[in-house]
Amino acid sequence: MRIAIISDSHDHIPNLQRAVKRANQEHAELLIHCGDLISPFMLDHLRAFQGPVHLIYGNNAGDQHLIATRCTAMANILHHGFHGTLTAGPLRIALQHYPEPAHDLARSGAFDLVCCGHDHIYAVEQINECLLINPGDLLGKDAEPAFALLETSNFSVRRIVVGDKLILND
C-alpha cells in the first residue's frame, strides 16, 4: 500500500492540487493531511484524491464548524478533529499536528506509523518499532513544497516536490 502524507497546505490551492494529482498518479491508496488546511474551500481540492482522506486540524484550524460539517457530506474525507488514529491493513496509525506529542506517540509502542507537521521541516525517523514522518509543508515558505509517499511493503519513504518555493518579503 502507498500512503501520501501531506501537511501545512495553508490555503495554497495550486500546491494542494498538484499534491493530490501526483498522489493519484503514484497510486496512493490513502491520503493523510496532518493539519493547517485552513479554509473550508480547500476541501473541494482535497476530495479529488481517489481514495480515503484522513484530516486533522492544526494550529491554524480555520472555520472548524464549517470544515467538520462539510467533511461529513464528503464521502472520502474523514475528519478526526485535532488528532486521530486509524488502521490501514495491519498498520496502526496516529495523526498529530505537533512534532513533540508525535514523538511521544511514536515512543508509546501503540503505533506503527505516526504522522505530524507544524514546523514545515521534512523528517523521517525510526523510533523503536514506529516510523515517524513529518512531510514538511505544501505552502513552500522556506523549502520546496512537497509531501511524503510511504510504501508500506518495505517502509520506504520518498519526498515528492510539487511546486515552486513561495517567496515572502520579510
C-alpha atoms as a PDB file:
ATOM      1  CA  MET A   1       0.000   0.000   0.000  1.00  0.00           C
ATOM      2  CA  ARG A   2       1.127   3.557  -0.693  1.00  0.00           C
ATOM      3  CA  ILE A   3       0.185   6.348   1.694  1.00  0.00           C
ATOM      4  CA  ALA A   4       0.515  10.018   0.747  1.00  0.00           C
ATOM      5  CA  ILE A   5       1.230  12.239   3.762  1.00  0.00           C
ATOM      6  CA  ILE A   6       0.806  15.992   3.458  1.00  0.00           C
ATOM      7  CA  SER A   7       0.694  18.879   5.894  1.00  0.00           C
ATOM      8  CA  ASP A   8       0.549  22.627   6.212  1.00  0.00           C
ATOM      9  CA  SER A   9      -1.082  23.488   2.901  1.00  0.00           C
ATOM     10  CA  HIS A  10      -2.099  26.898   4.320  1.00  0.00           C
ATOM     11  CA  ASP A  11      -4.695  27.657   1.617  1.00  0.00           C
ATOM     12  CA  HIS A  12      -2.185  27.259  -1.225  1.00  0.00           C
ATOM     13  CA  ILE A  13      -4.605  25.914  -3.830  1.00  0.00           C
ATOM     14  CA  PRO A  14      -2.126  25.173  -6.673  1.00  0.00           C
ATOM     15  CA  ASN A  15       0.231  23.174  -4.438  1.00  0.00           C
ATOM     16  CA  LEU A  16      -2.612  21.154  -2.902  1.00  0.00           C
ATOM     17  CA  GLN A  17      -3.984  20.439  -6.375  1.00  0.00           C
ATOM     18  CA  ARG A  18      -0.538  19.318  -7.562  1.00  0.00           C
ATOM     19  CA  ALA A  19      -0.028  17.120  -4.498  1.00  0.00           C
ATOM     20  CA  VAL A  20      -3.399  15.397  -4.858  1.00  0.00           C
ATOM     21  CA  LYS A  21      -2.870  14.887  -8.583  1.00  0.00           C
ATOM     22  CA  ARG A  22       0.607  13.447  -8.008  1.00  0.00           C
ATOM     23  CA  ALA A  23      -0.620  11.201  -5.167  1.00  0.00           C
ATOM     24  CA  ASN A  24      -3.245   9.836  -7.565  1.00  0.00           C
ATOM     25  CA  GLN A  25      -0.587   9.327 -10.269  1.00  0.00           C
ATOM     26  CA  GLU A  26       1.617   7.488  -7.764  1.00  0.00           C
ATOM     27  CA  HIS A  27      -1.333   5.171  -6.988  1.00  0.00           C
ATOM     28  CA  ALA A  28      -1.511   6.164  -3.330  1.00  0.00           C
ATOM     29  CA  GLU A  29      -4.410   4.357  -1.704  1.00  0.00           C
ATOM     30  CA  LEU A  30      -4.713   6.600   1.347  1.00  0.00           C
ATOM     31  CA  LEU A  31      -4.016  10.294   1.933  1.00  0.00           C
ATOM     32  CA  ILE A  32      -3.277  11.814   5.333  1.00  0.00           C
ATOM     33  CA  HIS A  33      -3.348  15.580   5.933  1.00  0.00           C
ATOM     34  CA  CYS A  34      -1.582  16.494   9.192  1.00  0.00           C
ATOM     35  CA  GLY A  35      -3.185  19.890   9.736  1.00  0.00           C
ATOM     36  CA  ASP A  36      -3.232  23.537   8.722  1.00  0.00           C
ATOM     37  CA  LEU A  37      -5.527  23.019   5.762  1.00  0.00           C
ATOM     38  CA  ILE A  38      -7.109  26.305   6.975  1.00  0.00           C
ATOM     39  CA  SER A  39     -10.158  27.173   4.838  1.00  0.00           C
ATOM     40  CA  PRO A  40     -13.182  25.021   4.026  1.00  0.00           C
ATOM     41  CA  PHE A  41     -12.787  25.775   0.296  1.00  0.00           C
ATOM     42  CA  MET A  42      -9.624  23.632   0.323  1.00  0.00           C
ATOM     43  CA  LEU A  43     -11.754  20.539   0.940  1.00  0.00           C
ATOM     44  CA  ASP A  44     -13.013  20.621  -2.649  1.00  0.00           C
ATOM     45  CA  HIS A  45      -9.422  20.198  -3.843  1.00  0.00           C
ATOM     46  CA  LEU A  46      -8.591  17.568  -1.223  1.00  0.00           C
ATOM     47  CA  ARG A  47     -11.562  15.394  -2.143  1.00  0.00           C
ATOM     48  CA  ALA A  48     -10.136  14.973  -5.674  1.00  0.00           C
ATOM     49  CA  PHE A  49      -7.965  12.251  -4.157  1.00  0.00           C
ATOM     50  CA  GLN A  50      -9.161   8.888  -5.457  1.00  0.00           C
ATOM     51  CA  GLY A  51      -9.201   7.130  -2.086  1.00  0.00           C
ATOM     52  CA  PRO A  52      -9.914   7.837   1.560  1.00  0.00           C
ATOM     53  CA  VAL A  53      -8.553  11.031   3.104  1.00  0.00           C
ATOM     54  CA  HIS A  54      -7.886  11.451   6.832  1.00  0.00           C
ATOM     55  CA  LEU A  55      -7.651  15.047   8.045  1.00  0.00           C
ATOM     56  CA  ILE A  56      -6.862  16.765  11.340  1.00  0.00           C
ATOM     57  CA  TYR A  57      -6.781  20.401  12.376  1.00  0.00           C
ATOM     58  CA  GLY A  58      -3.507  22.167  13.059  1.00  0.00           C
ATOM     59  CA  ASN A  59      -2.787  25.337  14.983  1.00  0.00           C
ATOM     60  CA  ASN A  60      -4.396  27.302  12.120  1.00  0.00           C
ATOM     61  CA  ALA A  61      -7.702  25.466  12.278  1.00  0.00           C
ATOM     62  CA  GLY A  62      -9.772  27.882  10.176  1.00  0.00           C
ATOM     63  CA  ASP A  63     -13.552  27.623  10.364  1.00  0.00           C
ATOM     64  CA  GLN A  64     -13.746  24.437  12.420  1.00  0.00           C
ATOM     65  CA  HIS A  65     -17.526  24.155  12.314  1.00  0.00           C
ATOM     66  CA  LEU A  66     -17.748  24.528   8.547  1.00  0.00           C
ATOM     67  CA  ILE A  67     -14.814  22.170   7.896  1.00  0.00           C
ATOM     68  CA  ALA A  68     -16.323  19.465  10.122  1.00  0.00           C
ATOM     69  CA  THR A  69     -19.796  19.929   8.590  1.00  0.00           C
ATOM     70  CA  ARG A  70     -18.526  19.763   5.001  1.00  0.00           C
ATOM     71  CA  CYS A  71     -16.376  16.696   5.713  1.00  0.00           C
ATOM     72  CA  THR A  72     -19.487  14.898   6.936  1.00  0.00           C
ATOM     73  CA  ALA A  73     -21.022  15.403   3.483  1.00  0.00           C
ATOM     74  CA  MET A  74     -17.910  14.268   1.595  1.00  0.00           C
ATOM     75  CA  ALA A  75     -17.773  10.512   1.195  1.00  0.00           C
ATOM     76  CA  ASN A  76     -13.988  10.151   1.029  1.00  0.00           C
ATOM     77  CA  ILE A  77     -12.846  12.626   3.736  1.00  0.00           C
ATOM     78  CA  LEU A  78     -12.819  11.626   7.392  1.00  0.00           C
ATOM     79  CA  HIS A  79     -12.169  14.484   9.763  1.00  0.00           C
ATOM     80  CA  HIS A  80     -10.652  13.488  13.109  1.00  0.00           C
ATOM     81  CA  GLY A  81     -10.554  16.826  14.938  1.00  0.00           C
ATOM     82  CA  PHE A  82      -7.227  17.810  16.474  1.00  0.00           C
ATOM     83  CA  HIS A  83      -5.683  14.335  16.476  1.00  0.00           C
ATOM     84  CA  GLY A  84      -6.670  10.967  15.145  1.00  0.00           C
ATOM     85  CA  THR A  85      -5.979   7.284  14.935  1.00  0.00           C
ATOM     86  CA  LEU A  86      -6.780   4.784  12.219  1.00  0.00           C
ATOM     87  CA  THR A  87      -5.794   1.421  10.892  1.00  0.00           C
ATOM     88  CA  ALA A  88      -4.743   0.707   7.332  1.00  0.00           C
ATOM     89  CA  GLY A  89      -4.370  -3.008   6.817  1.00  0.00           C
ATOM     90  CA  PRO A  90      -2.206  -4.156   9.724  1.00  0.00           C
ATOM     91  CA  LEU A  91      -0.808  -0.651  10.406  1.00  0.00           C
ATOM     92  CA  ARG A  92      -1.826   1.309  13.482  1.00  0.00           C
ATOM     93  CA  ILE A  93      -1.510   4.992  12.567  1.00  0.00           C
ATOM     94  CA  ALA A  94      -1.669   8.170  14.659  1.00  0.00           C
ATOM     95  CA  LEU A  95      -2.082  11.733  13.371  1.00  0.00           C
ATOM     96  CA  GLN A  96      -0.850  14.685  15.409  1.00  0.00           C
ATOM     97  CA  HIS A  97      -0.056  18.173  14.130  1.00  0.00           C
ATOM     98  CA  TYR A  98       2.755  18.958  16.561  1.00  0.00           C
ATOM     99  CA  PRO A  99       6.116  17.110  16.418  1.00  0.00           C
ATOM    100  CA  GLU A 100       6.722  16.851  20.180  1.00  0.00           C
ATOM    101  CA  PRO A 101       3.496  14.959  21.021  1.00  0.00           C
ATOM    102  CA  ALA A 102       4.008  12.954  17.823  1.00  0.00           C
ATOM    103  CA  HIS A 103       7.368  11.770  19.196  1.00  0.00           C
ATOM    104  CA  ASP A 104       5.614  10.752  22.428  1.00  0.00           C
ATOM    105  CA  LEU A 105       3.075   8.743  20.418  1.00  0.00           C
ATOM    106  CA  ALA A 106       5.866   7.067  18.459  1.00  0.00           C
ATOM    107  CA  ARG A 107       7.696   6.128  21.684  1.00  0.00           C
ATOM    108  CA  SER A 108       4.498   4.732  23.226  1.00  0.00           C
ATOM    109  CA  GLY A 109       4.697   1.500  21.247  1.00  0.00           C
ATOM    110  CA  ALA A 110       0.999   1.748  20.368  1.00  0.00           C
ATOM    111  CA  PHE A 111       1.543   2.704  16.718  1.00  0.00           C
ATOM    112  CA  ASP A 112       3.423   1.538  13.650  1.00  0.00           C
ATOM    113  CA  LEU A 113       3.265   4.959  11.977  1.00  0.00           C
ATOM    114  CA  VAL A 114       2.883   8.461  13.390  1.00  0.00           C
ATOM    115  CA  CYS A 115       2.412  11.446  11.081  1.00  0.00           C
ATOM    116  CA  CYS A 116       2.849  15.087  12.067  1.00  0.00           C
ATOM    117  CA  GLY A 117       3.542  18.534  10.623  1.00  0.00           C
ATOM    118  CA  HIS A 118       3.612  22.080  12.031  1.00  0.00           C
ATOM    119  CA  ASP A 119       7.311  23.010  11.777  1.00  0.00           C
ATOM    120  CA  HIS A 120       7.397  22.743   7.941  1.00  0.00           C
ATOM    121  CA  ILE A 121      10.529  20.561   8.116  1.00  0.00           C
ATOM    122  CA  TYR A 122      10.660  17.235   6.284  1.00  0.00           C
ATOM    123  CA  ALA A 123      11.791  14.435   8.596  1.00  0.00           C
ATOM    124  CA  VAL A 124      11.609  10.655   8.694  1.00  0.00           C
ATOM    125  CA  GLU A 125      12.645   8.977  11.916  1.00  0.00           C
ATOM    126  CA  GLN A 126      12.531   5.416  13.196  1.00  0.00           C
ATOM    127  CA  ILE A 127      11.628   5.362  16.882  1.00  0.00           C
ATOM    128  CA  ASN A 128      11.730   1.815  18.229  1.00  0.00           C
ATOM    129  CA  GLU A 129       9.231  -0.088  16.047  1.00  0.00           C
ATOM    130  CA  CYS A 130       7.435   3.074  14.882  1.00  0.00           C
ATOM    131  CA  LEU A 131       8.094   5.219  11.822  1.00  0.00           C
ATOM    132  CA  LEU A 132       7.578   8.955  12.404  1.00  0.00           C
ATOM    133  CA  ILE A 133       7.001  11.059   9.285  1.00  0.00           C
ATOM    134  CA  ASN A 134       6.802  14.827   9.006  1.00  0.00           C
ATOM    135  CA  PRO A 135       6.231  15.571   5.298  1.00  0.00           C
ATOM    136  CA  GLY A 136       7.276  19.214   5.551  1.00  0.00           C
ATOM    137  CA  ASP A 137       4.844  21.694   4.097  1.00  0.00           C
ATOM    138  CA  LEU A 138       2.860  22.238   0.929  1.00  0.00           C
ATOM    139  CA  LEU A 139       2.995  26.002   1.371  1.00  0.00           C
ATOM    140  CA  GLY A 140       6.618  26.245   0.251  1.00  0.00           C
ATOM    141  CA  LYS A 141       7.525  29.090   2.597  1.00  0.00           C
ATOM    142  CA  ASP A 142      11.115  28.071   3.378  1.00  0.00           C
ATOM    143  CA  ALA A 143      11.637  24.975   1.227  1.00  0.00           C
ATOM    144  CA  GLU A 144      10.184  23.471  -1.920  1.00  0.00           C
ATOM    145  CA  PRO A 145       6.568  22.401  -1.331  1.00  0.00           C
ATOM    146  CA  ALA A 146       6.425  18.646  -1.018  1.00  0.00           C
ATOM    147  CA  PHE A 147       4.734  15.651   0.510  1.00  0.00           C
ATOM    148  CA  ALA A 148       5.865  12.212   1.651  1.00  0.00           C
ATOM    149  CA  LEU A 149       4.926   8.961  -0.033  1.00  0.00           C
ATOM    150  CA  LEU A 150       5.220   5.848   2.126  1.00  0.00           C
ATOM    151  CA  GLU A 151       5.469   2.403   0.562  1.00  0.00           C
ATOM    152  CA  THR A 152       4.196   0.160   3.346  1.00  0.00           C
ATOM    153  CA  SER A 153       5.615  -3.084   1.915  1.00  0.00           C
ATOM    154  CA  ASN A 154       9.146  -2.025   2.861  1.00  0.00           C
ATOM    155  CA  PHE A 155       8.527   1.205   4.827  1.00  0.00           C
ATOM    156  CA  SER A 156      10.462   3.278   2.290  1.00  0.00           C
ATOM    157  CA  VAL A 157       9.631   6.969   2.101  1.00  0.00           C
ATOM    158  CA  ARG A 158      10.060   9.349  -0.829  1.00  0.00           C
ATOM    159  CA  ARG A 159       9.816  13.130  -0.666  1.00  0.00           C
ATOM    160  CA  ILE A 160       7.880  14.377  -3.692  1.00  0.00           C
ATOM    161  CA  VAL A 161       8.268  18.046  -4.650  1.00  0.00           C
ATOM    162  CA  VAL A 162       5.113  19.541  -6.169  1.00  0.00           C
ATOM    163  CA  GLY A 163       5.719  23.211  -6.853  1.00  0.00           C
ATOM    164  CA  ASP A 164       7.888  26.251  -6.537  1.00  0.00           C
ATOM    165  CA  LYS A 165       9.112  27.789  -3.307  1.00  0.00           C
ATOM    166  CA  LEU A 166       6.979  30.721  -2.201  1.00  0.00           C
ATOM    167  CA  ILE A 167       8.924  33.990  -1.991  1.00  0.00           C
ATOM    168  CA  LEU A 168       7.883  36.038   1.006  1.00  0.00           C
ATOM    169  CA  ASN A 169       9.147  39.543   1.636  1.00  0.00           C
ATOM    170  CA  ASP A 170      10.097  39.931   5.279  1.00  0.00           C
END
